[in-house]
PDB file of N, CA and C in Angstrom:
ATOM      1  N   MET A   1       7.299  30.125 -14.811  1.00  0.00           N
ATOM      2  CA  MET A   1       7.446  29.419 -16.062  1.00  0.00           C
ATOM      3  C   MET A   1       6.132  29.518 -16.832  1.00  0.00           C
ATOM      4  N   ARG A   2       6.186  29.837 -18.079  1.00  0.00           N
ATOM      5  CA  ARG A   2       4.994  30.055 -18.886  1.00  0.00           C
ATOM      6  C   ARG A   2       4.352  28.760 -19.363  1.00  0.00           C
ATOM      7  N   LEU A   3       4.962  27.653 -19.066  1.00  0.00           N
ATOM      8  CA  LEU A   3       4.509  26.373 -19.568  1.00  0.00           C
ATOM      9  C   LEU A   3       3.343  25.798 -18.771  1.00  0.00           C
ATOM     10  N   LYS A   4       3.046  26.365 -17.600  1.00  0.00           N
ATOM     11  CA  LYS A   4       2.078  25.752 -16.689  1.00  0.00           C
ATOM     12  C   LYS A   4       0.716  25.493 -17.321  1.00  0.00           C
ATOM     13  N   TRP A   5      -0.007  26.541 -17.699  1.00  0.00           N
ATOM     14  CA  TRP A   5      -1.372  26.278 -18.120  1.00  0.00           C
ATOM     15  C   TRP A   5      -1.462  25.561 -19.454  1.00  0.00           C
ATOM     16  N   PRO A   6      -0.564  25.792 -20.435  1.00  0.00           N
ATOM     17  CA  PRO A   6      -0.648  24.962 -21.642  1.00  0.00           C
ATOM     18  C   PRO A   6      -0.436  23.481 -21.354  1.00  0.00           C
ATOM     19  N   VAL A   7       0.413  23.170 -20.381  1.00  0.00           N
ATOM     20  CA  VAL A   7       0.632  21.773 -20.021  1.00  0.00           C
ATOM     21  C   VAL A   7      -0.642  21.179 -19.439  1.00  0.00           C
ATOM     22  N   TYR A   8      -1.304  21.930 -18.584  1.00  0.00           N
ATOM     23  CA  TYR A   8      -2.551  21.445 -17.991  1.00  0.00           C
ATOM     24  C   TYR A   8      -3.639  21.269 -19.053  1.00  0.00           C
ATOM     25  N   VAL A   9      -3.754  22.216 -19.974  1.00  0.00           N
ATOM     26  CA  VAL A   9      -4.766  22.126 -21.017  1.00  0.00           C
ATOM     27  C   VAL A   9      -4.483  20.926 -21.921  1.00  0.00           C
ATOM     28  N   PHE A  10      -3.230  20.744 -22.289  1.00  0.00           N
ATOM     29  CA  PHE A  10      -2.861  19.617 -23.141  1.00  0.00           C
ATOM     30  C   PHE A  10      -3.151  18.294 -22.440  1.00  0.00           C
ATOM     31  N   THR A  11      -2.788  18.206 -21.163  1.00  0.00           N
ATOM     32  CA  THR A  11      -3.040  16.986 -20.402  1.00  0.00           C
ATOM     33  C   THR A  11      -4.537  16.743 -20.245  1.00  0.00           C
ATOM     34  N   ALA A  12      -5.293  17.792 -19.972  1.00  0.00           N
ATOM     35  CA  ALA A  12      -6.746  17.642 -19.863  1.00  0.00           C
ATOM     36  C   ALA A  12      -7.349  17.209 -21.192  1.00  0.00           C
ATOM     37  N   GLY A  13      -6.808  17.710 -22.303  1.00  0.00           N
ATOM     38  CA  GLY A  13      -7.271  17.297 -23.619  1.00  0.00           C
ATOM     39  C   GLY A  13      -7.039  15.815 -23.868  1.00  0.00           C
ATOM     40  N   ILE A  14      -5.881  15.327 -23.478  1.00  0.00           N
ATOM     41  CA  ILE A  14      -5.581  13.905 -23.620  1.00  0.00           C
ATOM     42  C   ILE A  14      -6.537  13.084 -22.754  1.00  0.00           C
ATOM     43  N   PHE A  15      -6.776  13.549 -21.527  1.00  0.00           N
ATOM     44  CA  PHE A  15      -7.710  12.845 -20.644  1.00  0.00           C
ATOM     45  C   PHE A  15      -9.113  12.826 -21.249  1.00  0.00           C
ATOM     46  N   PHE A  16      -9.524  13.948 -21.819  1.00  0.00           N
ATOM     47  CA  PHE A  16     -10.842  14.027 -22.453  1.00  0.00           C
ATOM     48  C   PHE A  16     -10.933  13.049 -23.622  1.00  0.00           C
ATOM     49  N   LEU A  17      -9.889  13.005 -24.446  1.00  0.00           N
ATOM     50  CA  LEU A  17      -9.881  12.056 -25.567  1.00  0.00           C
ATOM     51  C   LEU A  17      -9.960  10.619 -25.071  1.00  0.00           C
ATOM     52  N   PHE A  18      -9.243  10.349 -23.994  1.00  0.00           N
ATOM     53  CA  PHE A  18      -9.285   9.006 -23.417  1.00  0.00           C
ATOM     54  C   PHE A  18     -10.704   8.662 -22.968  1.00  0.00           C
ATOM     55  N   ALA A  19     -11.331   9.597 -22.249  1.00  0.00           N
ATOM     56  CA  ALA A  19     -12.697   9.352 -21.752  1.00  0.00           C
ATOM     57  C   ALA A  19     -13.683   9.185 -22.910  1.00  0.00           C
ATOM     58  N   MET A  20     -13.566  10.027 -23.913  1.00  0.00           N
ATOM     59  CA  MET A  20     -14.471   9.929 -25.059  1.00  0.00           C
ATOM     60  C   MET A  20     -14.218   8.638 -25.843  1.00  0.00           C
ATOM     61  N   GLY A  21     -12.970   8.280 -25.971  1.00  0.00           N
ATOM     62  CA  GLY A  21     -12.637   7.049 -26.688  1.00  0.00           C
ATOM     63  C   GLY A  21     -13.184   5.824 -25.999  1.00  0.00           C
ATOM     64  N   VAL A  22     -13.109   5.817 -24.699  1.00  0.00           N
ATOM     65  CA  VAL A  22     -13.607   4.668 -23.945  1.00  0.00           C
ATOM     66  C   VAL A  22     -15.133   4.655 -23.938  1.00  0.00           C
ATOM     67  N   GLN A  23     -15.745   5.808 -23.774  1.00  0.00           N
ATOM     68  CA  GLN A  23     -17.186   5.876 -23.570  1.00  0.00           C
ATOM     69  C   GLN A  23     -17.998   5.845 -24.854  1.00  0.00           C
ATOM     70  N   PHE A  24     -17.597   6.643 -25.845  1.00  0.00           N
ATOM     71  CA  PHE A  24     -18.473   6.850 -26.991  1.00  0.00           C
ATOM     72  C   PHE A  24     -17.930   6.343 -28.326  1.00  0.00           C
ATOM     73  N   ILE A  25     -16.644   6.412 -28.539  1.00  0.00           N
ATOM     74  CA  ILE A  25     -16.097   6.109 -29.860  1.00  0.00           C
ATOM     75  C   ILE A  25     -15.824   4.613 -30.019  1.00  0.00           C
ATOM     76  N   SER A  26     -15.776   3.887 -28.946  1.00  0.00           N
ATOM     77  CA  SER A  26     -15.504   2.450 -28.971  1.00  0.00           C
ATOM     78  C   SER A  26     -14.176   2.142 -29.659  1.00  0.00           C
ATOM     79  N   LEU A  27     -13.124   2.729 -29.132  1.00  0.00           N
ATOM     80  CA  LEU A  27     -11.790   2.453 -29.648  1.00  0.00           C
ATOM     81  C   LEU A  27     -11.381   1.029 -29.289  1.00  0.00           C
ATOM     82  N   GLY A  28     -10.453   0.510 -30.037  1.00  0.00           N
ATOM     83  CA  GLY A  28      -9.935  -0.815 -29.743  1.00  0.00           C
ATOM     84  C   GLY A  28      -9.075  -0.803 -28.494  1.00  0.00           C
ATOM     85  N   LYS A  29      -8.766  -1.988 -28.006  1.00  0.00           N
ATOM     86  CA  LYS A  29      -7.973  -2.104 -26.781  1.00  0.00           C
ATOM     87  C   LYS A  29      -6.602  -1.474 -26.932  1.00  0.00           C
ATOM     88  N   THR A  30      -5.984  -1.614 -28.088  1.00  0.00           N
ATOM     89  CA  THR A  30      -4.650  -1.049 -28.312  1.00  0.00           C
ATOM     90  C   THR A  30      -4.681   0.475 -28.217  1.00  0.00           C
ATOM     91  N   ALA A  31      -5.686   1.106 -28.813  1.00  0.00           N
ATOM     92  CA  ALA A  31      -5.801   2.559 -28.761  1.00  0.00           C
ATOM     93  C   ALA A  31      -6.069   3.035 -27.345  1.00  0.00           C
ATOM     94  N   ILE A  32      -6.896   2.316 -26.602  1.00  0.00           N
ATOM     95  CA  ILE A  32      -7.191   2.696 -25.221  1.00  0.00           C
ATOM     96  C   ILE A  32      -5.943   2.580 -24.362  1.00  0.00           C
ATOM     97  N   VAL A  33      -5.196   1.498 -24.520  1.00  0.00           N
ATOM     98  CA  VAL A  33      -3.949   1.335 -23.761  1.00  0.00           C
ATOM     99  C   VAL A  33      -2.964   2.425 -24.157  1.00  0.00           C
ATOM    100  N   GLY A  34      -2.884   2.743 -25.446  1.00  0.00           N
ATOM    101  CA  GLY A  34      -1.990   3.815 -25.900  1.00  0.00           C
ATOM    102  C   GLY A  34      -2.348   5.155 -25.299  1.00  0.00           C
ATOM    103  N   LEU A  35      -3.637   5.495 -25.319  1.00  0.00           N
ATOM    104  CA  LEU A  35      -4.078   6.749 -24.711  1.00  0.00           C
ATOM    105  C   LEU A  35      -3.800   6.770 -23.212  1.00  0.00           C
ATOM    106  N   PHE A  36      -4.008   5.636 -22.551  1.00  0.00           N
ATOM    107  CA  PHE A  36      -3.733   5.565 -21.121  1.00  0.00           C
ATOM    108  C   PHE A  36      -2.244   5.784 -20.844  1.00  0.00           C
ATOM    109  N   LEU A  37      -1.381   5.197 -21.642  1.00  0.00           N
ATOM    110  CA  LEU A  37       0.064   5.380 -21.448  1.00  0.00           C
ATOM    111  C   LEU A  37       0.480   6.826 -21.716  1.00  0.00           C
ATOM    112  N   ILE A  38      -0.109   7.442 -22.721  1.00  0.00           N
ATOM    113  CA  ILE A  38       0.185   8.854 -22.986  1.00  0.00           C
ATOM    114  C   ILE A  38      -0.276   9.713 -21.818  1.00  0.00           C
ATOM    115  N   LEU A  39      -1.471   9.447 -21.317  1.00  0.00           N
ATOM    116  CA  LEU A  39      -2.000  10.200 -20.175  1.00  0.00           C
ATOM    117  C   LEU A  39      -1.102  10.045 -18.954  1.00  0.00           C
ATOM    118  N   THR A  40      -0.687   8.832 -18.673  1.00  0.00           N
ATOM    119  CA  THR A  40       0.184   8.585 -17.526  1.00  0.00           C
ATOM    120  C   THR A  40       1.516   9.306 -17.690  1.00  0.00           C
ATOM    121  N   THR A  41       2.073   9.261 -18.877  1.00  0.00           N
ATOM    122  CA  THR A  41       3.343   9.947 -19.138  1.00  0.00           C
ATOM    123  C   THR A  41       3.199  11.448 -18.983  1.00  0.00           C
ATOM    124  N   LEU A  42       2.100  12.007 -19.479  1.00  0.00           N
ATOM    125  CA  LEU A  42       1.894  13.449 -19.357  1.00  0.00           C
ATOM    126  C   LEU A  42       1.724  13.879 -17.904  1.00  0.00           C
ATOM    127  N   TYR A  43       1.001  13.096 -17.119  1.00  0.00           N
ATOM    128  CA  TYR A  43       0.879  13.447 -15.705  1.00  0.00           C
ATOM    129  C   TYR A  43       2.219  13.341 -14.984  1.00  0.00           C
ATOM    130  N   ALA A  44       3.016  12.359 -15.341  1.00  0.00           N
ATOM    131  CA  ALA A  44       4.355  12.261 -14.752  1.00  0.00           C
ATOM    132  C   ALA A  44       5.199  13.466 -15.155  1.00  0.00           C
ATOM    133  N   TRP A  45       5.048  13.909 -16.386  1.00  0.00           N
ATOM    134  CA  TRP A  45       5.787  15.081 -16.859  1.00  0.00           C
ATOM    135  C   TRP A  45       5.353  16.332 -16.115  1.00  0.00           C
ATOM    136  N   VAL A  46       4.040  16.508 -15.930  1.00  0.00           N
ATOM    137  CA  VAL A  46       3.538  17.664 -15.182  1.00  0.00           C
ATOM    138  C   VAL A  46       4.066  17.629 -13.751  1.00  0.00           C
ATOM    139  N   ALA A  47       4.046  16.455 -13.122  1.00  0.00           N
ATOM    140  CA  ALA A  47       4.569  16.335 -11.755  1.00  0.00           C
ATOM    141  C   ALA A  47       6.046  16.679 -11.722  1.00  0.00           C
ATOM    142  N   TRP A  48       6.807  16.225 -12.715  1.00  0.00           N
ATOM    143  CA  TRP A  48       8.243  16.523 -12.771  1.00  0.00           C
ATOM    144  C   TRP A  48       8.483  18.023 -12.903  1.00  0.00           C
ATOM    145  N   ILE A  49       7.675  18.689 -13.753  1.00  0.00           N
ATOM    146  CA  ILE A  49       7.815  20.143 -13.919  1.00  0.00           C
ATOM    147  C   ILE A  49       7.505  20.853 -12.605  1.00  0.00           C
ATOM    148  N   MET A  50       6.450  20.426 -11.923  1.00  0.00           N
ATOM    149  CA  MET A  50       6.069  21.081 -10.674  1.00  0.00           C
ATOM    150  C   MET A  50       7.122  20.866  -9.591  1.00  0.00           C
ATOM    151  N   VAL A  51       7.693  19.672  -9.523  1.00  0.00           N
ATOM    152  CA  VAL A  51       8.760  19.422  -8.548  1.00  0.00           C
ATOM    153  C   VAL A  51       9.986  20.252  -8.906  1.00  0.00           C
ATOM    154  N   LYS A  52      10.305  20.334 -10.179  1.00  0.00           N
ATOM    155  CA  LYS A  52      11.462  21.105 -10.638  1.00  0.00           C
ATOM    156  C   LYS A  52      11.303  22.578 -10.274  1.00  0.00           C
ATOM    157  N   GLN A  53      10.066  23.080 -10.294  1.00  0.00           N
ATOM    158  CA  GLN A  53       9.799  24.484  -9.960  1.00  0.00           C
ATOM    159  C   GLN A  53       9.593  24.696  -8.467  1.00  0.00           C
ATOM    160  N   ASN A  54       9.720  23.643  -7.676  1.00  0.00           N
ATOM    161  CA  ASN A  54       9.438  23.709  -6.244  1.00  0.00           C
ATOM    162  C   ASN A  54       8.017  24.183  -5.985  1.00  0.00           C
ATOM    163  N   ALA A  55       7.082  23.773  -6.848  1.00  0.00           N
ATOM    164  CA  ALA A  55       5.693  24.193  -6.712  1.00  0.00           C
ATOM    165  C   ALA A  55       4.874  23.212  -5.895  1.00  0.00           C
ATOM    166  N   VAL A  56       5.487  22.094  -5.526  1.00  0.00           N
ATOM    167  CA  VAL A  56       4.784  21.115  -4.712  1.00  0.00           C
ATOM    168  C   VAL A  56       4.818  21.598  -3.271  1.00  0.00           C
ATOM    169  N   LEU A  57       3.659  21.726  -2.683  1.00  0.00           N
ATOM    170  CA  LEU A  57       3.582  22.257  -1.327  1.00  0.00           C
ATOM    171  C   LEU A  57       3.953  21.185  -0.309  1.00  0.00           C
ATOM    172  N   GLU A  58       4.661  21.593   0.695  1.00  0.00           N
ATOM    173  CA  GLU A  58       4.956  20.707   1.814  1.00  0.00           C
ATOM    174  C   GLU A  58       3.712  20.688   2.691  1.00  0.00           C
ATOM    175  N   LEU A  59       3.153  19.532   2.881  1.00  0.00           N
ATOM    176  CA  LEU A  59       1.901  19.440   3.623  1.00  0.00           C
ATOM    177  C   LEU A  59       2.099  19.526   5.131  1.00  0.00           C
ATOM    178  N   HIS A  60       3.273  19.178   5.591  1.00  0.00           N
ATOM    179  CA  HIS A  60       3.522  19.180   7.020  1.00  0.00           C
ATOM    180  C   HIS A  60       4.813  19.923   7.324  1.00  0.00           C
ATOM    181  N   ALA A  61       4.796  20.673   8.387  1.00  0.00           N
ATOM    182  CA  ALA A  61       6.018  21.272   8.897  1.00  0.00           C
ATOM    183  C   ALA A  61       6.622  20.277   9.886  1.00  0.00           C
ATOM    184  N   TYR A  62       7.907  20.263   9.988  1.00  0.00           N
ATOM    185  CA  TYR A  62       8.588  19.341  10.887  1.00  0.00           C
ATOM    186  C   TYR A  62       9.413  20.110  11.898  1.00  0.00           C
ATOM    187  N   ARG A  63       9.620  19.494  13.040  1.00  0.00           N
ATOM    188  CA  ARG A  63      10.514  20.058  14.047  1.00  0.00           C
ATOM    189  C   ARG A  63      11.364  18.930  14.601  1.00  0.00           C
ATOM    190  N   THR A  64      12.438  19.315  15.253  1.00  0.00           N
ATOM    191  CA  THR A  64      13.358  18.335  15.821  1.00  0.00           C
ATOM    192  C   THR A  64      12.931  17.998  17.238  1.00  0.00           C
ATOM    193  N   CYS A  65      12.871  16.703  17.526  1.00  0.00           N
ATOM    194  CA  CYS A  65      12.524  16.240  18.866  1.00  0.00           C
ATOM    195  C   CYS A  65      13.668  16.571  19.820  1.00  0.00           C
ATOM    196  N   SER A  66      13.321  17.122  20.966  1.00  0.00           N
ATOM    197  CA  SER A  66      14.354  17.481  21.945  1.00  0.00           C
ATOM    198  C   SER A  66      14.913  16.243  22.643  1.00  0.00           C
ATOM    199  N   SER A  67      14.217  15.133  22.583  1.00  0.00           N
ATOM    200  CA  SER A  67      14.662  13.917  23.256  1.00  0.00           C
ATOM    201  C   SER A  67      15.594  13.073  22.385  1.00  0.00           C
ATOM    202  N   CYS A  68      15.148  12.763  21.156  1.00  0.00           N
ATOM    203  CA  CYS A  68      15.946  11.861  20.313  1.00  0.00           C
ATOM    204  C   CYS A  68      16.655  12.575  19.174  1.00  0.00           C
ATOM    205  N   GLY A  69      16.274  13.820  18.871  1.00  0.00           N
ATOM    206  CA  GLY A  69      16.942  14.582  17.825  1.00  0.00           C
ATOM    207  C   GLY A  69      16.445  14.296  16.409  1.00  0.00           C
ATOM    208  N   LYS A  70      15.407  13.480  16.268  1.00  0.00           N
ATOM    209  CA  LYS A  70      14.866  13.145  14.952  1.00  0.00           C
ATOM    210  C   LYS A  70      13.766  14.140  14.566  1.00  0.00           C
ATOM    211  N   LEU A  71      13.489  14.247  13.246  1.00  0.00           N
ATOM    212  CA  LEU A  71      12.414  15.112  12.780  1.00  0.00           C
ATOM    213  C   LEU A  71      11.069  14.431  13.011  1.00  0.00           C
ATOM    214  N   THR A  72      10.107  15.213  13.450  1.00  0.00           N
ATOM    215  CA  THR A  72       8.756  14.721  13.695  1.00  0.00           C
ATOM    216  C   THR A  72       7.772  15.795  13.251  1.00  0.00           C
ATOM    217  N   PRO A  73       6.563  15.438  12.805  1.00  0.00           N
ATOM    218  CA  PRO A  73       5.600  16.451  12.377  1.00  0.00           C
ATOM    219  C   PRO A  73       5.302  17.458  13.485  1.00  0.00           C
ATOM    220  N   ALA A  74       5.253  18.731  13.114  1.00  0.00           N
ATOM    221  CA  ALA A  74       5.082  19.809  14.093  1.00  0.00           C
ATOM    222  C   ALA A  74       3.683  19.841  14.696  1.00  0.00           C
ATOM    223  N   GLN A  75       2.692  19.295  14.030  1.00  0.00           N
ATOM    224  CA  GLN A  75       1.336  19.389  14.561  1.00  0.00           C
ATOM    225  C   GLN A  75       1.070  18.398  15.681  1.00  0.00           C
ATOM    226  N   GLY A  76       1.951  17.436  15.894  1.00  0.00           N
ATOM    227  CA  GLY A  76       1.749  16.452  16.954  1.00  0.00           C
ATOM    228  C   GLY A  76       2.307  16.910  18.289  1.00  0.00           C
ATOM    229  N   ASP A  77       1.817  16.318  19.350  1.00  0.00           N
ATOM    230  CA  ASP A  77       2.300  16.627  20.696  1.00  0.00           C
ATOM    231  C   ASP A  77       3.410  15.678  21.126  1.00  0.00           C
ATOM    232  N   TYR A  78       3.542  14.543  20.421  1.00  0.00           N
ATOM    233  CA  TYR A  78       4.519  13.529  20.783  1.00  0.00           C
ATOM    234  C   TYR A  78       5.385  13.204  19.571  1.00  0.00           C
ATOM    235  N   CYS A  79       6.619  12.834  19.823  1.00  0.00           N
ATOM    236  CA  CYS A  79       7.554  12.453  18.780  1.00  0.00           C
ATOM    237  C   CYS A  79       7.098  11.150  18.120  1.00  0.00           C
ATOM    238  N   MET A  80       7.141  11.099  16.799  1.00  0.00           N
ATOM    239  CA  MET A  80       6.749   9.900  16.057  1.00  0.00           C
ATOM    240  C   MET A  80       7.811   8.796  16.167  1.00  0.00           C
ATOM    241  N   VAL A  81       9.012   9.143  16.593  1.00  0.00           N
ATOM    242  CA  VAL A  81      10.094   8.155  16.672  1.00  0.00           C
ATOM    243  C   VAL A  81      10.193   7.567  18.071  1.00  0.00           C
ATOM    244  N   CYS A  82      10.316   8.443  19.077  1.00  0.00           N
ATOM    245  CA  CYS A  82      10.559   7.946  20.439  1.00  0.00           C
ATOM    246  C   CYS A  82       9.319   8.017  21.334  1.00  0.00           C
ATOM    247  N   GLY A  83       8.299   8.768  20.950  1.00  0.00           N
ATOM    248  CA  GLY A  83       7.076   8.853  21.747  1.00  0.00           C
ATOM    249  C   GLY A  83       7.102   9.843  22.878  1.00  0.00           C
ATOM    250  N   GLN A  84       8.205  10.562  23.023  1.00  0.00           N
ATOM    251  CA  GLN A  84       8.316  11.550  24.101  1.00  0.00           C
ATOM    252  C   GLN A  84       7.545  12.809  23.729  1.00  0.00           C
ATOM    253  N   PRO A  85       7.029  13.531  24.735  1.00  0.00           N
ATOM    254  CA  PRO A  85       6.361  14.812  24.441  1.00  0.00           C
ATOM    255  C   PRO A  85       7.317  15.789  23.778  1.00  0.00           C
ATOM    256  N   VAL A  86       6.819  16.460  22.743  1.00  0.00           N
ATOM    257  CA  VAL A  86       7.624  17.467  22.041  1.00  0.00           C
ATOM    258  C   VAL A  86       7.148  18.811  22.531  1.00  0.00           C
ATOM    259  N   GLY A  87       8.031  19.570  23.083  1.00  0.00           N
ATOM    260  CA  GLY A  87       7.570  20.800  23.680  1.00  0.00           C
ATOM    261  C   GLY A  87       8.266  21.969  23.226  1.00  0.00           C
TER     262      GLY A  87
END
């Protein structure tokens, strides 16, 4: 999707404006809250786009426990559900 880097640049620009507004321009409370809400919305939008593209990395691989049949993180030696060794 071609939208990736323009979205990041736009979001970074909003963050920069927020930081400058708070630090140097002395914006009023309403403007600061408005910028914060825009920033939060844009980050939620970026996260939604990344999830929609399946670009969010799975941090852990899972395997099925041979004892209880539940999924447990693959890097562990014991099942997170039943505590039995996963082998």
